[in-house]
Amino acid sequence: MFFFIWDGEVLKILYDIKSEEKHMTELLRRFELEKLKENP
């Protein structure tokens, strides 16, 4: 990713993307665990 203006706003957006990825990973992991419970 390329940014021409590096300020607090861009940093905030990058941080939001990172936490969003973490959140999605958490959801996926939980989903996988549920599937494993259903099909041992």
PDB file of N, CA and C in Angstrom:
ATOM      1  N   MET A   1       0.834  -1.196   0.000  1.00  0.00           N
ATOM      2  CA  MET A   1       0.000   0.000   0.000  1.00  0.00           C
ATOM      3  C   MET A   1       0.872   1.250   0.000  1.00  0.00           C
ATOM      4  N   PHE A   2       0.449   2.234  -0.753  1.00  0.00           N
ATOM      5  CA  PHE A   2       1.207   3.479  -0.816  1.00  0.00           C
ATOM      6  C   PHE A   2       0.347   4.635  -0.318  1.00  0.00           C
ATOM      7  N   PHE A   3       0.960   5.468   0.502  1.00  0.00           N
ATOM      8  CA  PHE A   3       0.250   6.637   1.015  1.00  0.00           C
ATOM      9  C   PHE A   3       1.092   7.874   0.772  1.00  0.00           C
ATOM     10  N   PHE A   4       0.460   8.926   0.242  1.00  0.00           N
ATOM     11  CA  PHE A   4       1.180  10.166  -0.016  1.00  0.00           C
ATOM     12  C   PHE A   4       1.207  11.032   1.235  1.00  0.00           C
ATOM     13  N   ILE A   5       0.140  10.964   2.005  1.00  0.00           N
ATOM     14  CA  ILE A   5       0.077  11.759   3.232  1.00  0.00           C
ATOM     15  C   ILE A   5       0.139  10.800   4.418  1.00  0.00           C
ATOM     16  N   TRP A   6       1.179  10.952   5.225  1.00  0.00           N
ATOM     17  CA  TRP A   6       1.302  10.075   6.385  1.00  0.00           C
ATOM     18  C   TRP A   6       0.949  10.880   7.630  1.00  0.00           C
ATOM     19  N   ASP A   7      -0.284  10.730   8.073  1.00  0.00           N
ATOM     20  CA  ASP A   7      -0.714  11.482   9.255  1.00  0.00           C
ATOM     21  C   ASP A   7      -1.521  10.572  10.164  1.00  0.00           C
ATOM     22  N   GLY A   8      -2.071  11.120  11.203  1.00  0.00           N
ATOM     23  CA  GLY A   8      -2.836  10.326  12.164  1.00  0.00           C
ATOM     24  C   GLY A   8      -3.997   9.588  11.526  1.00  0.00           C
ATOM     25  N   GLU A   9      -4.605  10.213  10.530  1.00  0.00           N
ATOM     26  CA  GLU A   9      -5.768   9.592   9.889  1.00  0.00           C
ATOM     27  C   GLU A   9      -5.373   8.289   9.202  1.00  0.00           C
ATOM     28  N   VAL A  10      -4.272   8.334   8.448  1.00  0.00           N
ATOM     29  CA  VAL A  10      -3.803   7.135   7.747  1.00  0.00           C
ATOM     30  C   VAL A  10      -3.422   6.058   8.755  1.00  0.00           C
ATOM     31  N   LEU A  11      -2.718   6.459   9.809  1.00  0.00           N
ATOM     32  CA  LEU A  11      -2.326   5.498  10.836  1.00  0.00           C
ATOM     33  C   LEU A  11      -3.557   4.846  11.447  1.00  0.00           C
ATOM     34  N   LYS A  12      -4.593   5.653  11.679  1.00  0.00           N
ATOM     35  CA  LYS A  12      -5.823   5.132  12.267  1.00  0.00           C
ATOM     36  C   LYS A  12      -6.461   4.114  11.328  1.00  0.00           C
ATOM     37  N   ILE A  13      -6.492   4.443  10.025  1.00  0.00           N
ATOM     38  CA  ILE A  13      -7.082   3.528   9.047  1.00  0.00           C
ATOM     39  C   ILE A  13      -6.303   2.213   9.027  1.00  0.00           C
ATOM     40  N   LEU A  14      -4.972   2.308   8.993  1.00  0.00           N
ATOM     41  CA  LEU A  14      -4.146   1.102   8.986  1.00  0.00           C
ATOM     42  C   LEU A  14      -4.433   0.265  10.227  1.00  0.00           C
ATOM     43  N   TYR A  15      -4.541   0.939  11.378  1.00  0.00           N
ATOM     44  CA  TYR A  15      -4.807   0.238  12.630  1.00  0.00           C
ATOM     45  C   TYR A  15      -6.165  -0.459  12.571  1.00  0.00           C
ATOM     46  N   ASP A  16      -7.164   0.236  12.022  1.00  0.00           N
ATOM     47  CA  ASP A  16      -8.502  -0.344  11.909  1.00  0.00           C
ATOM     48  C   ASP A  16      -8.471  -1.586  11.032  1.00  0.00           C
ATOM     49  N   ILE A  17      -7.735  -1.519   9.911  1.00  0.00           N
ATOM     50  CA  ILE A  17      -7.635  -2.673   9.013  1.00  0.00           C
ATOM     51  C   ILE A  17      -7.004  -3.842   9.758  1.00  0.00           C
ATOM     52  N   LYS A  18      -5.950  -3.573  10.515  1.00  0.00           N
ATOM     53  CA  LYS A  18      -5.269  -4.632  11.265  1.00  0.00           C
ATOM     54  C   LYS A  18      -6.224  -5.286  12.263  1.00  0.00           C
ATOM     55  N   SER A  19      -6.943  -4.483  13.035  1.00  0.00           N
ATOM     56  CA  SER A  19      -7.841  -5.073  14.035  1.00  0.00           C
ATOM     57  C   SER A  19      -8.991  -5.801  13.357  1.00  0.00           C
ATOM     58  N   GLU A  20      -9.406  -5.319  12.190  1.00  0.00           N
ATOM     59  CA  GLU A  20     -10.471  -5.987  11.443  1.00  0.00           C
ATOM     60  C   GLU A  20      -9.998  -7.373  11.018  1.00  0.00           C
ATOM     61  N   GLU A  21      -8.753  -7.455  10.528  1.00  0.00           N
ATOM     62  CA  GLU A  21      -8.193  -8.745  10.121  1.00  0.00           C
ATOM     63  C   GLU A  21      -8.157  -9.694  11.316  1.00  0.00           C
ATOM     64  N   LYS A  22      -7.728  -9.173  12.461  1.00  0.00           N
ATOM     65  CA  LYS A  22      -7.645  -9.999  13.659  1.00  0.00           C
ATOM     66  C   LYS A  22      -9.031 -10.521  14.018  1.00  0.00           C
ATOM     67  N   HIS A  23     -10.026  -9.646  13.916  1.00  0.00           N
ATOM     68  CA  HIS A  23     -11.399 -10.010  14.250  1.00  0.00           C
ATOM     69  C   HIS A  23     -11.889 -11.115  13.319  1.00  0.00           C
ATOM     70  N   MET A  24     -11.634 -10.969  12.015  1.00  0.00           N
ATOM     71  CA  MET A  24     -12.064 -11.975  11.040  1.00  0.00           C
ATOM     72  C   MET A  24     -11.389 -13.311  11.321  1.00  0.00           C
ATOM     73  N   THR A  25     -10.101 -13.275  11.642  1.00  0.00           N
ATOM     74  CA  THR A  25      -9.380 -14.509  11.949  1.00  0.00           C
ATOM     75  C   THR A  25     -10.027 -15.203  13.138  1.00  0.00           C
ATOM     76  N   GLU A  26     -10.394 -14.410  14.138  1.00  0.00           N
ATOM     77  CA  GLU A  26     -11.043 -14.955  15.333  1.00  0.00           C
ATOM     78  C   GLU A  26     -12.362 -15.619  14.961  1.00  0.00           C
ATOM     79  N   LEU A  27     -13.163 -14.953  14.122  1.00  0.00           N
ATOM     80  CA  LEU A  27     -14.448 -15.516  13.702  1.00  0.00           C
ATOM     81  C   LEU A  27     -14.239 -16.815  12.932  1.00  0.00           C
ATOM     82  N   LEU A  28     -13.269 -16.808  12.018  1.00  0.00           N
ATOM     83  CA  LEU A  28     -13.000 -18.007  11.221  1.00  0.00           C
ATOM     84  C   LEU A  28     -12.588 -19.165  12.119  1.00  0.00           C
ATOM     85  N   ARG A  29     -11.716 -18.879  13.084  1.00  0.00           N
ATOM     86  CA  ARG A  29     -11.243 -19.919  13.990  1.00  0.00           C
ATOM     87  C   ARG A  29     -12.419 -20.521  14.754  1.00  0.00           C
ATOM     88  N   ARG A  30     -13.299 -19.644  15.241  1.00  0.00           N
ATOM     89  CA  ARG A  30     -14.462 -20.109  15.994  1.00  0.00           C
ATOM     90  C   ARG A  30     -15.353 -20.972  15.102  1.00  0.00           C
ATOM     91  N   PHE A  31     -15.533 -20.525  13.856  1.00  0.00           N
ATOM     92  CA  PHE A  31     -16.366 -21.253  12.902  1.00  0.00           C
ATOM     93  C   PHE A  31     -15.785 -22.641  12.649  1.00  0.00           C
ATOM     94  N   GLU A  32     -14.459 -22.714  12.462  1.00  0.00           N
ATOM     95  CA  GLU A  32     -13.802 -24.005  12.234  1.00  0.00           C
ATOM     96  C   GLU A  32     -14.031 -24.928  13.430  1.00  0.00           C
ATOM     97  N   LEU A  33     -13.899 -24.394  14.635  1.00  0.00           N
ATOM     98  CA  LEU A  33     -14.101 -25.203  15.837  1.00  0.00           C
ATOM     99  C   LEU A  33     -15.524 -25.747  15.885  1.00  0.00           C
ATOM    100  N   GLU A  34     -16.494 -24.908  15.529  1.00  0.00           N
ATOM    101  CA  GLU A  34     -17.894 -25.351  15.531  1.00  0.00           C
ATOM    102  C   GLU A  34     -18.093 -26.485  14.532  1.00  0.00           C
ATOM    103  N   LYS A  35     -17.495 -26.349  13.358  1.00  0.00           N
ATOM    104  CA  LYS A  35     -17.630 -27.386  12.329  1.00  0.00           C
ATOM    105  C   LYS A  35     -17.031 -28.698  12.831  1.00  0.00           C
ATOM    106  N   LEU A  36     -15.888 -28.605  13.518  1.00  0.00           N
ATOM    107  CA  LEU A  36     -15.242 -29.811  14.032  1.00  0.00           C
ATOM    108  C   LEU A  36     -16.134 -30.493  15.066  1.00  0.00           C
ATOM    109  N   LYS A  37     -16.817 -29.697  15.876  1.00  0.00           N
ATOM    110  CA  LYS A  37     -17.709 -30.269  16.889  1.00  0.00           C
ATOM    111  C   LYS A  37     -18.845 -31.033  16.221  1.00  0.00           C
ATOM    112  N   GLU A  38     -19.375 -30.471  15.127  1.00  0.00           N
ATOM    113  CA  GLU A  38     -20.501 -31.114  14.449  1.00  0.00           C
ATOM    114  C   GLU A  38     -20.077 -32.398  13.741  1.00  0.00           C
ATOM    115  N   ASN A  39     -18.896 -32.373  13.115  1.00  0.00           N
ATOM    116  CA  ASN A  39     -18.418 -33.550  12.378  1.00  0.00           C
ATOM    117  C   ASN A  39     -17.115 -34.067  12.975  1.00  0.00           C
ATOM    118  N   PRO A  40     -17.221 -34.910  13.976  1.00  0.00           N
ATOM    119  CA  PRO A  40     -16.009 -35.418  14.621  1.00  0.00           C
ATOM    120  C   PRO A  40     -15.233 -36.333  13.672  1.00  0.00           C
TER     121      PRO A  40
END
